[in-house]
C-alpha atoms as a PDB file:
ATOM      1  CA  MET A   1       0.041   0.054  -0.444  1.00  0.00           C
ATOM      2  CA  ASN A   2       1.440   3.581  -0.903  1.00  0.00           C
ATOM      3  CA  ALA A   3       0.157   5.891   1.673  1.00  0.00           C
ATOM      4  CA  GLY A   4       0.185   9.166  -0.438  1.00  0.00           C
ATOM      5  CA  THR A   5      -1.496   7.381  -3.406  1.00  0.00           C
ATOM      6  CA  VAL A   6      -5.522   8.311  -4.208  1.00  0.00           C
ATOM      7  CA  ALA A   7      -7.456   6.369  -6.075  1.00  0.00           C
ATOM      8  CA  LEU A   8     -10.463   7.850  -7.334  1.00  0.00           C
ATOM      9  CA  VAL A   9     -13.347   5.450  -8.208  1.00  0.00           C
ATOM     10  CA  VAL A  10     -15.606   6.345 -11.712  1.00  0.00           C
ATOM     11  CA  ILE A  11     -18.424   4.144 -12.130  1.00  0.00           C
ATOM     12  CA  ASP A  12     -18.448   3.630 -16.017  1.00  0.00           C
ATOM     13  CA  ASP A  13     -22.472   5.326 -16.097  1.00  0.00           C
ATOM     14  CA  ALA A  14     -21.958   7.489 -13.504  1.00  0.00           C
ATOM     15  CA  ILE A  15     -20.860  11.094 -15.065  1.00  0.00           C
ATOM     16  CA  SER A  16     -23.246  13.684 -15.050  1.00  0.00           C
ATOM     17  CA  MET A  17     -22.644  17.304 -14.855  1.00  0.00           C
ATOM     18  CA  TRP A  18     -23.363  17.433 -11.204  1.00  0.00           C
ATOM     19  CA  ASP A  19     -21.062  14.416 -10.971  1.00  0.00           C
ATOM     20  CA  MET A  20     -18.444  16.194 -12.655  1.00  0.00           C
ATOM     21  CA  TYR A  21     -18.278  18.639  -9.861  1.00  0.00           C
ATOM     22  CA  GLU A  22     -17.456  16.240  -7.475  1.00  0.00           C
ATOM     23  CA  LEU A  23     -14.747  14.385  -9.446  1.00  0.00           C
ATOM     24  CA  GLY A  24     -13.468  17.782 -10.115  1.00  0.00           C
ATOM     25  CA  ILE A  25     -13.243  18.661  -6.085  1.00  0.00           C
ATOM     26  CA  ALA A  26     -11.120  15.439  -5.853  1.00  0.00           C
ATOM     27  CA  THR A  27      -9.054  16.180  -8.850  1.00  0.00           C
ATOM     28  CA  ALA A  28      -8.091  19.438  -7.652  1.00  0.00           C
ATOM     29  CA  VAL A  29      -7.280  18.675  -4.467  1.00  0.00           C
ATOM     30  CA  PHE A  30      -5.251  15.690  -5.022  1.00  0.00           C
ATOM     31  CA  GLY A  31      -4.434  15.583  -8.687  1.00  0.00           C
ATOM     32  CA  VAL A  32      -3.189  19.052  -8.997  1.00  0.00           C
ATOM     33  CA  ASP A  33       0.401  19.191  -8.187  1.00  0.00           C
ATOM     34  CA  HIS A  34       0.550  21.643  -4.945  1.00  0.00           C
ATOM     35  CA  SER A  35       4.483  20.202  -3.944  1.00  0.00           C
ATOM     36  CA  ASP A  36       5.230  23.992  -3.273  1.00  0.00           C
ATOM     37  CA  LEU A  37       2.828  23.341  -0.253  1.00  0.00           C
ATOM     38  CA  ALA A  38       4.256  20.118   0.932  1.00  0.00           C
ATOM     39  CA  ASP A  39       6.593  17.822  -0.804  1.00  0.00           C
ATOM     40  CA  PRO A  40       5.767  14.885  -2.179  1.00  0.00           C
ATOM     41  CA  TRP A  41       1.904  16.037  -2.852  1.00  0.00           C
ATOM     42  CA  TYR A  42      -0.356  13.162  -3.506  1.00  0.00           C
ATOM     43  CA  ASP A  43      -0.267  10.673  -6.301  1.00  0.00           C
ATOM     44  CA  LEU A  44      -4.203  10.580  -7.626  1.00  0.00           C
ATOM     45  CA  ARG A  45      -5.042   7.702  -9.758  1.00  0.00           C
ATOM     46  CA  VAL A  46      -8.463   7.725 -11.483  1.00  0.00           C
ATOM     47  CA  ILE A  47      -9.931   4.230 -11.545  1.00  0.00           C
ATOM     48  CA  GLY A  48     -12.720   2.514 -13.727  1.00  0.00           C
ATOM     49  CA  MET A  49     -14.155  -0.684 -13.534  1.00  0.00           C
ATOM     50  CA  ARG A  50     -12.092  -1.495 -16.566  1.00  0.00           C
ATOM     51  CA  PRO A  51      -8.807  -0.339 -17.235  1.00  0.00           C
ATOM     52  CA  GLY A  52      -8.828   2.417 -19.917  1.00  0.00           C
ATOM     53  CA  THR A  53     -12.443   2.971 -19.861  1.00  0.00           C
ATOM     54  CA  ALA A  54     -14.104   6.573 -20.097  1.00  0.00           C
ATOM     55  CA  SER A  55     -17.050   8.480 -19.108  1.00  0.00           C
ATOM     56  CA  SER A  56     -18.400  11.653 -20.570  1.00  0.00           C
ATOM     57  CA  VAL A  57     -20.948  14.244 -20.619  1.00  0.00           C
ATOM     58  CA  PRO A  58     -21.284  17.058 -22.988  1.00  0.00           C
ATOM     59  CA  GLY A  59     -18.107  18.876 -23.418  1.00  0.00           C
ATOM     60  CA  PHE A  60     -16.410  16.603 -20.780  1.00  0.00           C
ATOM     61  CA  THR A  61     -14.502  13.197 -20.870  1.00  0.00           C
ATOM     62  CA  CYS A  62     -13.440  11.508 -18.038  1.00  0.00           C
ATOM     63  CA  ASN A  63     -10.408   8.804 -18.875  1.00  0.00           C
ATOM     64  CA  ALA A  64      -9.983   6.055 -16.112  1.00  0.00           C
ATOM     65  CA  PRO A  65      -6.736   4.419 -17.108  1.00  0.00           C
ATOM     66  CA  TYR A  66      -6.437   2.240 -13.998  1.00  0.00           C
ATOM     67  CA  GLY A  67      -8.389  -0.618 -12.713  1.00  0.00           C
ATOM     68  CA  LEU A  68      -9.884  -1.926  -9.725  1.00  0.00           C
ATOM     69  CA  GLU A  69      -6.744  -4.107  -8.453  1.00  0.00           C
ATOM     70  CA  GLU A  70      -5.054  -0.610  -7.950  1.00  0.00           C
ATOM     71  CA  LEU A  71      -7.619  -0.023  -5.102  1.00  0.00           C
ATOM     72  CA  GLU A  72      -5.422  -2.222  -2.906  1.00  0.00           C
ATOM     73  CA  ARG A  73      -2.290  -0.498  -3.575  1.00  0.00           C
ATOM     74  CA  ALA A  74      -3.695   2.742  -2.389  1.00  0.00           C
ATOM     75  CA  GLY A  75      -3.398   4.936   0.984  1.00  0.00           C
ATOM     76  CA  THR A  76      -6.697   6.315   0.239  1.00  0.00           C
ATOM     77  CA  VAL A  77      -9.899   5.502  -1.802  1.00  0.00           C
ATOM     78  CA  ILE A  78     -12.228   7.747  -2.928  1.00  0.00           C
ATOM     79  CA  VAL A  79     -16.038   7.242  -4.084  1.00  0.00           C
ATOM     80  CA  PRO A  80     -17.363  10.048  -5.397  1.00  0.00           C
ATOM     81  CA  VAL A  81     -20.422   9.309  -7.197  1.00  0.00           C
ATOM     82  CA  VAL A  82     -23.004   6.447  -7.411  1.00  0.00           C
ATOM     83  CA  PRO A  83     -25.726   6.456 -10.088  1.00  0.00           C
ATOM     84  CA  GLU A  84     -29.243   7.236  -9.028  1.00  0.00           C
ATOM     85  CA  ALA A  85     -30.517   3.872 -10.166  1.00  0.00           C
ATOM     86  CA  TYR A  86     -27.799   2.443  -7.737  1.00  0.00           C
ATOM     87  CA  MET A  87     -28.533   4.620  -5.185  1.00  0.00           C
ATOM     88  CA  ARG A  88     -32.332   3.932  -5.128  1.00  0.00           C
ATOM     89  CA  GLY A  89     -31.808   0.183  -5.268  1.00  0.00           C
ATOM     90  CA  ASP A  90     -33.061  -0.392  -9.045  1.00  0.00           C
ATOM     91  CA  ARG A  91     -29.982  -1.852 -10.059  1.00  0.00           C
ATOM     92  CA  ASP A  92     -27.261  -3.694  -7.598  1.00  0.00           C
ATOM     93  CA  LEU A  93     -23.978  -2.085  -7.743  1.00  0.00           C
ATOM     94  CA  PRO A  94     -21.460  -4.372  -9.677  1.00  0.00           C
ATOM     95  CA  PRO A  95     -20.124  -7.276  -7.412  1.00  0.00           C
ATOM     96  CA  GLN A  96     -16.678  -6.664  -8.580  1.00  0.00           C
ATOM     97  CA  LEU A  97     -16.483  -3.044  -7.161  1.00  0.00           C
ATOM     98  CA  LEU A  98     -17.902  -4.030  -3.799  1.00  0.00           C
ATOM     99  CA  ASP A  99     -15.432  -7.008  -3.870  1.00  0.00           C
ATOM    100  CA  ALA A 100     -12.579  -4.568  -4.481  1.00  0.00           C
ATOM    101  CA  LEU A 101     -13.683  -1.807  -2.236  1.00  0.00           C
ATOM    102  CA  ARG A 102     -14.033  -4.504   0.922  1.00  0.00           C
ATOM    103  CA  ARG A 103     -10.490  -5.561  -0.304  1.00  0.00           C
ATOM    104  CA  ALA A 104      -9.043  -2.254  -0.044  1.00  0.00           C
ATOM    105  CA  GLY A 105     -10.393  -1.654   3.451  1.00  0.00           C
ATOM    106  CA  ALA A 106      -8.707  -4.977   4.456  1.00  0.00           C
ATOM    107  CA  ALA A 107      -5.745  -3.788   3.192  1.00  0.00           C
ATOM    108  CA  GLY A 108      -5.732  -0.575   5.275  1.00  0.00           C
ATOM    109  CA  ALA A 109      -6.999   2.142   3.086  1.00  0.00           C
ATOM    110  CA  ARG A 110      -8.387   4.907   4.265  1.00  0.00           C
ATOM    111  CA  MET A 111     -12.143   4.490   2.586  1.00  0.00           C
ATOM    112  CA  VAL A 112     -13.933   8.114   1.476  1.00  0.00           C
ATOM    113  CA  SER A 113     -17.291   9.191  -0.005  1.00  0.00           C
ATOM    114  CA  LEU A 114     -18.388  12.377  -1.357  1.00  0.00           C
ATOM    115  CA  CYS A 115     -21.925  12.796  -1.621  1.00  0.00           C
ATOM    116  CA  ASN A 116     -24.099   9.606  -2.696  1.00  0.00           C
ATOM    117  CA  GLY A 117     -20.961   7.618  -2.969  1.00  0.00           C
ATOM    118  CA  VAL A 118     -21.681   6.677   0.741  1.00  0.00           C
ATOM    119  CA  PHE A 119     -24.033   4.242  -0.884  1.00  0.00           C
ATOM    120  CA  ALA A 120     -21.460   2.272  -2.648  1.00  0.00           C
ATOM    121  CA  LEU A 121     -19.433   1.952   0.884  1.00  0.00           C
ATOM    122  CA  ALA A 122     -22.637   0.852   3.082  1.00  0.00           C
ATOM    123  CA  ALA A 123     -23.549  -1.687   0.201  1.00  0.00           C
ATOM    124  CA  ALA A 124     -19.724  -3.262   0.943  1.00  0.00           C
ATOM    125  CA  GLY A 125     -20.515  -3.511   4.412  1.00  0.00           C
ATOM    126  CA  LEU A 126     -17.890  -1.076   5.053  1.00  0.00           C
ATOM    127  CA  LEU A 127     -20.214   1.047   7.209  1.00  0.00           C
ATOM    128  CA  ASP A 128     -22.198  -1.047   9.526  1.00  0.00           C
ATOM    129  CA  GLY A 129     -22.271  -0.065  12.903  1.00  0.00           C
ATOM    130  CA  ARG A 130     -20.448   3.255  12.068  1.00  0.00           C
ATOM    131  CA  PRO A 131     -21.240   6.713  11.816  1.00  0.00           C
ATOM    132  CA  ALA A 132     -21.568   8.501   8.354  1.00  0.00           C
ATOM    133  CA  THR A 133     -23.603  10.977   6.405  1.00  0.00           C
ATOM    134  CA  ALA A 134     -24.454  12.087   2.939  1.00  0.00           C
ATOM    135  CA  HIS A 135     -26.644  15.244   1.122  1.00  0.00           C
ATOM    136  CA  TRP A 136     -29.872  15.539   3.276  1.00  0.00           C
ATOM    137  CA  GLU A 137     -31.880  14.559   0.267  1.00  0.00           C
ATOM    138  CA  HIS A 138     -30.340  10.878   0.455  1.00  0.00           C
ATOM    139  CA  THR A 139     -30.024  10.565   3.851  1.00  0.00           C
ATOM    140  CA  ARG A 140     -33.246   8.906   4.887  1.00  0.00           C
ATOM    141  CA  GLU A 141     -33.002   6.740   1.876  1.00  0.00           C
ATOM    142  CA  LEU A 142     -29.647   5.694   3.366  1.00  0.00           C
ATOM    143  CA  ALA A 143     -30.802   4.979   6.742  1.00  0.00           C
ATOM    144  CA  GLU A 144     -33.997   3.193   5.271  1.00  0.00           C
ATOM    145  CA  ARG A 145     -31.852   0.720   2.921  1.00  0.00           C
ATOM    146  CA  TYR A 146     -28.729   0.336   5.156  1.00  0.00           C
ATOM    147  CA  PRO A 147     -30.302   0.289   8.923  1.00  0.00           C
ATOM    148  CA  GLN A 148     -27.064  -0.832  10.217  1.00  0.00           C
ATOM    149  CA  VAL A 149     -25.418   2.562   9.273  1.00  0.00           C
ATOM    150  CA  ARG A 150     -25.300   5.462  12.034  1.00  0.00           C
ATOM    151  CA  VAL A 151     -26.257   8.225   9.822  1.00  0.00           C
ATOM    152  CA  ASP A 152     -26.310  11.501  10.605  1.00  0.00           C
ATOM    153  CA  ASP A 153     -27.780  14.111   8.463  1.00  0.00           C
ATOM    154  CA  SER A 154     -26.893  17.344  10.155  1.00  0.00           C
ATOM    155  CA  VAL A 155     -22.994  17.928   9.605  1.00  0.00           C
ATOM    156  CA  LEU A 156     -21.228  18.552   6.541  1.00  0.00           C
ATOM    157  CA  TYR A 157     -18.753  15.308   6.941  1.00  0.00           C
ATOM    158  CA  VAL A 158     -17.973  12.552   9.405  1.00  0.00           C
ATOM    159  CA  ASP A 159     -14.067  11.422  10.039  1.00  0.00           C
ATOM    160  CA  ASP A 160     -14.424   7.821  11.477  1.00  0.00           C
ATOM    161  CA  GLY A 161     -11.113   7.046  11.542  1.00  0.00           C
ATOM    162  CA  ASP A 162     -10.525   4.852   8.575  1.00  0.00           C
ATOM    163  CA  VAL A 163     -13.666   5.552   6.977  1.00  0.00           C
ATOM    164  CA  LEU A 164     -14.862   9.106   6.028  1.00  0.00           C
ATOM    165  CA  THR A 165     -18.033  10.647   4.328  1.00  0.00           C
ATOM    166  CA  SER A 166     -19.350  13.906   3.312  1.00  0.00           C
ATOM    167  CA  ALA A 167     -22.475  15.618   2.467  1.00  0.00           C
ATOM    168  CA  GLY A 168     -22.871  16.820  -1.394  1.00  0.00           C
ATOM    169  CA  LEU A 169     -20.898  19.103  -3.404  1.00  0.00           C
ATOM    170  CA  SER A 170     -19.245  21.797  -1.108  1.00  0.00           C
ATOM    171  CA  GLY A 171     -19.332  19.239   1.780  1.00  0.00           C
ATOM    172  CA  GLY A 172     -17.042  17.066  -0.349  1.00  0.00           C
ATOM    173  CA  LEU A 173     -14.510  20.019  -0.824  1.00  0.00           C
ATOM    174  CA  ASP A 174     -14.847  20.667   3.046  1.00  0.00           C
ATOM    175  CA  LEU A 175     -14.066  16.708   3.384  1.00  0.00           C
ATOM    176  CA  CYS A 176     -10.915  16.820   0.962  1.00  0.00           C
ATOM    177  CA  LEU A 177      -9.516  19.704   2.796  1.00  0.00           C
ATOM    178  CA  HIS A 178      -9.997  18.108   6.100  1.00  0.00           C
ATOM    179  CA  ILE A 179      -7.892  14.991   4.888  1.00  0.00           C
ATOM    180  CA  VAL A 180      -5.099  17.714   3.810  1.00  0.00           C
ATOM    181  CA  ARG A 181      -5.524  19.261   7.537  1.00  0.00           C
ATOM    182  CA  ARG A 182      -5.367  15.563   9.129  1.00  0.00           C
ATOM    183  CA  ASP A 183      -2.285  14.592   6.898  1.00  0.00           C
ATOM    184  CA  LEU A 184      -0.047  17.723   6.343  1.00  0.00           C
ATOM    185  CA  GLY A 185      -1.351  20.100   8.961  1.00  0.00           C
ATOM    186  CA  ALA A 186      -3.865  23.040   9.478  1.00  0.00           C
ATOM    187  CA  ARG A 187      -0.841  25.121   7.845  1.00  0.00           C
ATOM    188  CA  VAL A 188      -0.866  23.515   4.681  1.00  0.00           C
ATOM    189  CA  ALA A 189      -4.578  22.907   4.154  1.00  0.00           C
ATOM    190  CA  ASN A 190      -5.243  27.115   4.845  1.00  0.00           C
ATOM    191  CA  GLN A 191      -2.867  27.535   2.015  1.00  0.00           C
ATOM    192  CA  LEU A 192      -4.842  25.196  -0.167  1.00  0.00           C
ATOM    193  CA  ALA A 193      -7.685  26.732   0.869  1.00  0.00           C
ATOM    194  CA  ARG A 194      -6.868  30.100  -0.004  1.00  0.00           C
ATOM    195  CA  ARG A 195      -5.432  28.984  -3.306  1.00  0.00           C
ATOM    196  CA  LEU A 196      -8.856  27.465  -3.815  1.00  0.00           C
ATOM    197  CA  VAL A 197     -10.732  30.598  -2.744  1.00  0.00           C
ATOM    198  CA  VAL A 198     -12.699  28.557   0.049  1.00  0.00           C
ATOM    199  CA  PRO A 199     -12.871  28.643   3.562  1.00  0.00           C
ATOM    200  CA  ALA A 200     -10.306  26.281   5.457  1.00  0.00           C
ATOM    201  CA  HIS A 201     -13.236  24.959   7.651  1.00  0.00           C
ATOM    202  CA  ARG A 202     -17.035  25.746   7.962  1.00  0.00           C
ATOM    203  CA  PRO A 203     -18.436  25.954  10.990  1.00  0.00           C
ATOM    204  CA  GLY A 204     -21.792  24.385  11.571  1.00  0.00           C
ATOM    205  CA  GLY A 205     -23.492  21.468   9.627  1.00  0.00           C
ATOM    206  CA  GLN A 206     -26.218  20.370   6.999  1.00  0.00           C
ATOM    207  CA  ALA A 207     -29.112  21.814   8.825  1.00  0.00           C
ATOM    208  CA  GLN A 208     -28.291  25.585   7.744  1.00  0.00           C
ATOM    209  CA  PHE A 209     -28.596  24.271   4.134  1.00  0.00           C
ATOM    210  CA  VAL A 210     -32.208  22.065   4.413  1.00  0.00           C
ATOM    211  CA  GLU A 211     -34.511  23.510   2.638  1.00  0.00           C
ATOM    212  CA  ARG A 212     -34.510  27.178   3.283  1.00  0.00           C
ATOM    213  CA  ALA A 213     -32.300  30.129   2.252  1.00  0.00           C
ATOM    214  CA  VAL A 214     -29.621  31.069   4.370  1.00  0.00           C
ATOM    215  CA  ASP A 215     -29.229  34.868   5.472  1.00  0.00           C
ATOM    216  CA  VAL A 216     -25.440  35.458   4.843  1.00  0.00           C
ATOM    217  CA  THR A 217     -25.265  39.320   4.185  1.00  0.00           C
ATOM    218  CA  ASP A 218     -26.110  40.634   7.552  1.00  0.00           C
ATOM    219  CA  ASP A 219     -23.650  43.789   7.441  1.00  0.00           C
ATOM    220  CA  GLY A 220     -23.790  43.516  11.093  1.00  0.00           C
ATOM    221  CA  ILE A 221     -22.288  40.027  11.202  1.00  0.00           C
ATOM    222  CA  ALA A 222     -19.041  40.055   9.202  1.00  0.00           C
ATOM    223  CA  PRO A 223     -17.409  43.392  10.934  1.00  0.00           C
ATOM    224  CA  VAL A 224     -17.817  42.069  14.206  1.00  0.00           C
ATOM    225  CA  LEU A 225     -16.648  38.646  13.541  1.00  0.00           C
ATOM    226  CA  HIS A 226     -13.583  39.915  11.723  1.00  0.00           C
ATOM    227  CA  TRP A 227     -12.814  42.410  14.859  1.00  0.00           C
ATOM    228  CA  ALA A 228     -13.037  39.163  17.351  1.00  0.00           C
ATOM    229  CA  LEU A 229     -10.489  37.501  15.504  1.00  0.00           C
ATOM    230  CA  GLU A 230      -8.258  40.302  15.835  1.00  0.00           C
ATOM    231  CA  HIS A 231      -9.054  40.007  19.550  1.00  0.00           C
ATOM    232  CA  LEU A 232      -9.089  36.351  20.461  1.00  0.00           C
ATOM    233  CA  ASP A 233      -6.860  36.803  23.388  1.00  0.00           C
ATOM    234  CA  ALA A 234      -9.398  38.862  25.102  1.00  0.00           C
ATOM    235  CA  PRO A 235     -11.865  37.427  27.172  1.00  0.00           C
ATOM    236  CA  LEU A 236     -14.968  38.048  24.879  1.00  0.00           C
ATOM    237  CA  THR A 237     -18.441  37.595  25.822  1.00  0.00           C
ATOM    238  CA  VAL A 238     -21.366  37.132  23.639  1.00  0.00           C
ATOM    239  CA  GLU A 239     -22.632  40.356  25.536  1.00  0.00           C
ATOM    240  CA  ASP A 240     -19.594  42.105  23.946  1.00  0.00           C
ATOM    241  CA  LEU A 241     -20.003  40.755  20.429  1.00  0.00           C
ATOM    242  CA  ALA A 242     -23.734  41.866  20.333  1.00  0.00           C
ATOM    243  CA  ALA A 243     -22.952  45.078  21.710  1.00  0.00           C
ATOM    244  CA  ARG A 244     -20.346  46.009  19.387  1.00  0.00           C
ATOM    245  CA  ALA A 245     -22.816  44.554  16.574  1.00  0.00           C
ATOM    246  CA  GLY A 246     -25.454  46.850  18.020  1.00  0.00           C
ATOM    247  CA  MET A 247     -27.890  44.174  18.736  1.00  0.00           C
ATOM    248  CA  SER A 248     -29.312  42.574  21.189  1.00  0.00           C
ATOM    249  CA  VAL A 249     -28.226  39.287  22.656  1.00  0.00           C
ATOM    250  CA  ARG A 250     -30.966  37.449  21.292  1.00  0.00           C
ATOM    251  CA  SER A 251     -30.738  39.067  17.613  1.00  0.00           C
ATOM    252  CA  PHE A 252     -26.879  38.910  17.998  1.00  0.00           C
ATOM    253  CA  HIS A 253     -27.306  34.823  18.353  1.00  0.00           C
ATOM    254  CA  ARG A 254     -29.957  34.274  15.829  1.00  0.00           C
ATOM    255  CA  ASN A 255     -28.391  36.631  12.797  1.00  0.00           C
ATOM    256  CA  LEU A 256     -24.782  34.936  13.558  1.00  0.00           C
ATOM    257  CA  ARG A 257     -26.320  31.393  13.636  1.00  0.00           C
ATOM    258  CA  ALA A 258     -28.090  31.952  10.103  1.00  0.00           C
ATOM    259  CA  ALA A 259     -24.750  33.428   8.763  1.00  0.00           C
ATOM    260  CA  THR A 260     -22.367  30.675  10.113  1.00  0.00           C
ATOM    261  CA  GLY A 261     -24.819  27.427  11.468  1.00  0.00           C
ATOM    262  CA  THR A 262     -23.489  27.673  15.125  1.00  0.00           C
ATOM    263  CA  SER A 263     -24.115  29.731  18.134  1.00  0.00           C
ATOM    264  CA  PRO A 264     -21.533  32.619  18.719  1.00  0.00           C
ATOM    265  CA  MET A 265     -19.582  30.643  22.036  1.00  0.00           C
ATOM    266  CA  LYS A 266     -19.147  27.629  19.609  1.00  0.00           C
ATOM    267  CA  TRP A 267     -18.079  29.908  16.617  1.00  0.00           C
ATOM    268  CA  LEU A 268     -15.383  31.350  19.091  1.00  0.00           C
ATOM    269  CA  LEU A 269     -14.077  28.058  20.426  1.00  0.00           C
ATOM    270  CA  HIS A 270     -13.623  27.032  17.052  1.00  0.00           C
ATOM    271  CA  GLN A 271     -11.620  29.649  16.003  1.00  0.00           C
ATOM    272  CA  ARG A 272      -9.460  30.027  19.245  1.00  0.00           C
ATOM    273  CA  LEU A 273      -8.488  26.332  18.231  1.00  0.00           C
ATOM    274  CA  ALA A 274      -7.551  27.191  15.101  1.00  0.00           C
ATOM    275  CA  ARG A 275      -5.372  30.159  16.556  1.00  0.00           C
ATOM    276  CA  ALA A 276      -3.927  27.603  18.480  1.00  0.00           C
ATOM    277  CA  GLN A 277      -3.105  25.023  15.935  1.00  0.00           C
ATOM    278  CA  GLN A 278      -1.765  27.791  13.479  1.00  0.00           C
ATOM    279  CA  LEU A 279       0.664  28.793  16.878  1.00  0.00           C
ATOM    280  CA  LEU A 280       1.705  25.418  17.481  1.00  0.00           C
ATOM    281  CA  GLU A 281       2.691  24.702  14.087  1.00  0.00           C
ATOM    282  CA  THR A 282       4.280  28.196  13.054  1.00  0.00           C
ATOM    283  CA  THR A 283       6.110  29.423  16.724  1.00  0.00           C
ATOM    284  CA  ASP A 284       8.295  27.559  19.282  1.00  0.00           C
ATOM    285  CA  LEU A 285       6.112  29.571  21.956  1.00  0.00           C
ATOM    286  CA  SER A 286       4.996  27.171  25.190  1.00  0.00           C
ATOM    287  CA  ILE A 287       1.827  25.746  25.759  1.00  0.00           C
ATOM    288  CA  GLU A 288       0.828  28.231  28.156  1.00  0.00           C
ATOM    289  CA  GLN A 289       1.902  31.179  25.760  1.00  0.00           C
ATOM    290  CA  ILE A 290      -0.306  29.741  23.246  1.00  0.00           C
ATOM    291  CA  SER A 291      -3.044  28.964  25.554  1.00  0.00           C
ATOM    292  CA  GLU A 292      -3.158  32.667  26.729  1.00  0.00           C
ATOM    293  CA  ARG A 293      -2.854  34.327  22.998  1.00  0.00           C
ATOM    294  CA  SER A 294      -5.594  32.130  21.558  1.00  0.00           C
ATOM    295  CA  GLY A 295      -7.997  33.130  24.475  1.00  0.00           C
ATOM    296  CA  LEU A 296      -8.206  29.714  25.949  1.00  0.00           C
ATOM    297  CA  GLY A 297      -6.895  30.716  29.392  1.00  0.00           C
ATOM    298  CA  GLY A 298      -4.418  28.478  30.994  1.00  0.00           C
ATOM    299  CA  ALA A 299      -2.434  25.282  29.420  1.00  0.00           C
ATOM    300  CA  ASN A 300      -4.946  22.915  31.056  1.00  0.00           C
ATOM    301  CA  ASN A 301      -7.865  24.290  29.214  1.00  0.00           C
ATOM    302  CA  LEU A 302      -6.017  23.980  26.008  1.00  0.00           C
ATOM    303  CA  ARG A 303      -5.362  20.706  26.765  1.00  0.00           C
ATOM    304  CA  HIS A 304      -9.036  19.791  27.422  1.00  0.00           C
ATOM    305  CA  HIS A 305     -10.343  21.429  24.575  1.00  0.00           C
ATOM    306  CA  PHE A 306      -7.516  19.952  22.303  1.00  0.00           C
ATOM    307  CA  ALA A 307      -8.563  16.474  23.992  1.00  0.00           C
ATOM    308  CA  ALA A 308     -12.239  16.907  23.227  1.00  0.00           C
ATOM    309  CA  HIS A 309     -12.443  18.439  19.865  1.00  0.00           C
ATOM    310  CA  LEU A 310      -9.326  17.280  18.173  1.00  0.00           C
ATOM    311  CA  GLY A 311      -8.293  14.196  19.788  1.00  0.00           C
ATOM    312  CA  VAL A 312      -4.876  14.711  20.738  1.00  0.00           C
ATOM    313  CA  THR A 313      -2.411  16.913  23.187  1.00  0.00           C
ATOM    314  CA  PRO A 314      -1.102  20.208  22.019  1.00  0.00           C
ATOM    315  CA  THR A 315       2.155  18.332  22.370  1.00  0.00           C
ATOM    316  CA  GLU A 316       1.100  15.563  20.251  1.00  0.00           C
ATOM    317  CA  TYR A 317       0.008  18.084  17.645  1.00  0.00           C
ATOM    318  CA  ARG A 318       2.824  20.063  17.463  1.00  0.00           C
ATOM    319  CA  ARG A 319       4.990  16.737  17.022  1.00  0.00           C
ATOM    320  CA  ALA A 320       2.937  15.839  14.164  1.00  0.00           C
ATOM    321  CA  PHE A 321       3.084  19.123  12.337  1.00  0.00           C
ATOM    322  CA  PRO A 322       6.266  20.983  13.531  1.00  0.00           C
ATOM    323  CA  CYS A 323       7.210  24.356  12.885  1.00  0.00           C
ATOM    324  CA  PRO A 324       8.902  24.702   9.217  1.00  0.00           C
ATOM    325  CA  SER A 325      11.837  26.429  10.808  1.00  0.00           C
ATOM    326  CA  THR A 326      12.708  23.306  12.201  1.00  0.00           C
ATOM    327  CA  ASP A 327      11.784  20.711   9.978  1.00  0.00           C
ATOM    328  CA  LEU A 328      12.610  22.468   6.822  1.00  0.00           C
ATOM    329  CA  GLY A 329       8.692  22.419   5.504  1.00  0.00           C
ATOM    330  CA  ARG A 330       8.747  18.434   5.271  1.00  0.00           C
ATOM    331  CA  PRO A 331       5.234  16.941   5.518  1.00  0.00           C
ATOM    332  CA  GLN A 332       4.764  14.850   8.496  1.00  0.00           C
ATOM    333  CA  ARG A 333       3.056  11.625   9.413  1.00  0.00           C
ATOM    334  CA  SER A 334      -0.364  11.760  10.925  1.00  0.00           C
ATOM    335  CA  PRO A 335      -0.668  11.726  14.908  1.00  0.00           C
ATOM    336  CA  ARG A 336      -1.235   8.005  16.360  1.00  0.00           C
ATOM    337  CA  HIS A 337      -4.635   9.470  17.021  1.00  0.00           C
ATOM    338  CA  PRO A 338      -6.106  11.206  13.996  1.00  0.00           C
ATOM    339  CA  VAL A 339      -6.491  14.604  14.452  1.00  0.00           C
ATOM    340  CA  ARG A 340     -10.067  15.922  13.959  1.00  0.00           C
ATOM    341  CA  SER A 341     -11.491  18.860  12.483  1.00  0.00           C
ATOM    342  CA  PRO A 342     -12.867  21.371  15.618  1.00  0.00           C
ATOM    343  CA  SER A 343     -16.504  20.625  15.914  1.00  0.00           C
END
């Protein structure tokens, strides 16, 4: 198994215009050479049901030069698309595909789905007893067809260690950036997100997108959030932020949740954890100093939140992603316990 190889599975009749977006997401993150951010970068291989197969939509063609046997050699296997006929159960997924997915999982590959690709992982039995998500339009069907899967329709993605699943379209990009963050650290993931002109991490979950428009144009929210980011080391309260926005606490809470999908205190905690990660990667400050500059109080409080939200200690995180000045910018292996994105 090659840890840096990413296998992108394309089912022959899976390609639609929507599906090209998800294939493009994985290709933009793992298939484009970003070795100036971390060297070596990933090696993307597009896998078809048969080597050399091609699928197309008007104006686009997707060539798959590798066959299913490559899945066992990959460090990460991504299934971005399952055709609707397979998803609804009108047709059974090809048994050779399901067998290949099982073998890859047994060989130690990290198994990933984007949107309805989760149906392939579920059909292969790789999600039995495990949490998973998909686009909110498909989560009910996923739960009904595969009751052994613990379906969560409230999140943008689920990281269950060696199996990761995401919601639709942009949720797939969130998950791909999370994988980069987990493998190469927050600094590299943030640089890549900036290159792709997307947020490095979106707080909140799918609930903010279900059957309603999201108001992200409130002029009172963006300036106060920007100000808060510049004052994370201060003991900020919801009352402070609401007063600065010229709103009541109730109105500020409602407007911030509409804009970000989360509560003010959860938003603040996420930003403080992100600041702590950045300082751990880019400075040699002590844990106590980083905790203070992140607004998390003392070192014990920082350790508590890292354990609860990231699954590692600050020291383990720093060891996994050391400051480039002391490690010449080489990408590092993930910590023994995979780092989760702040939730």
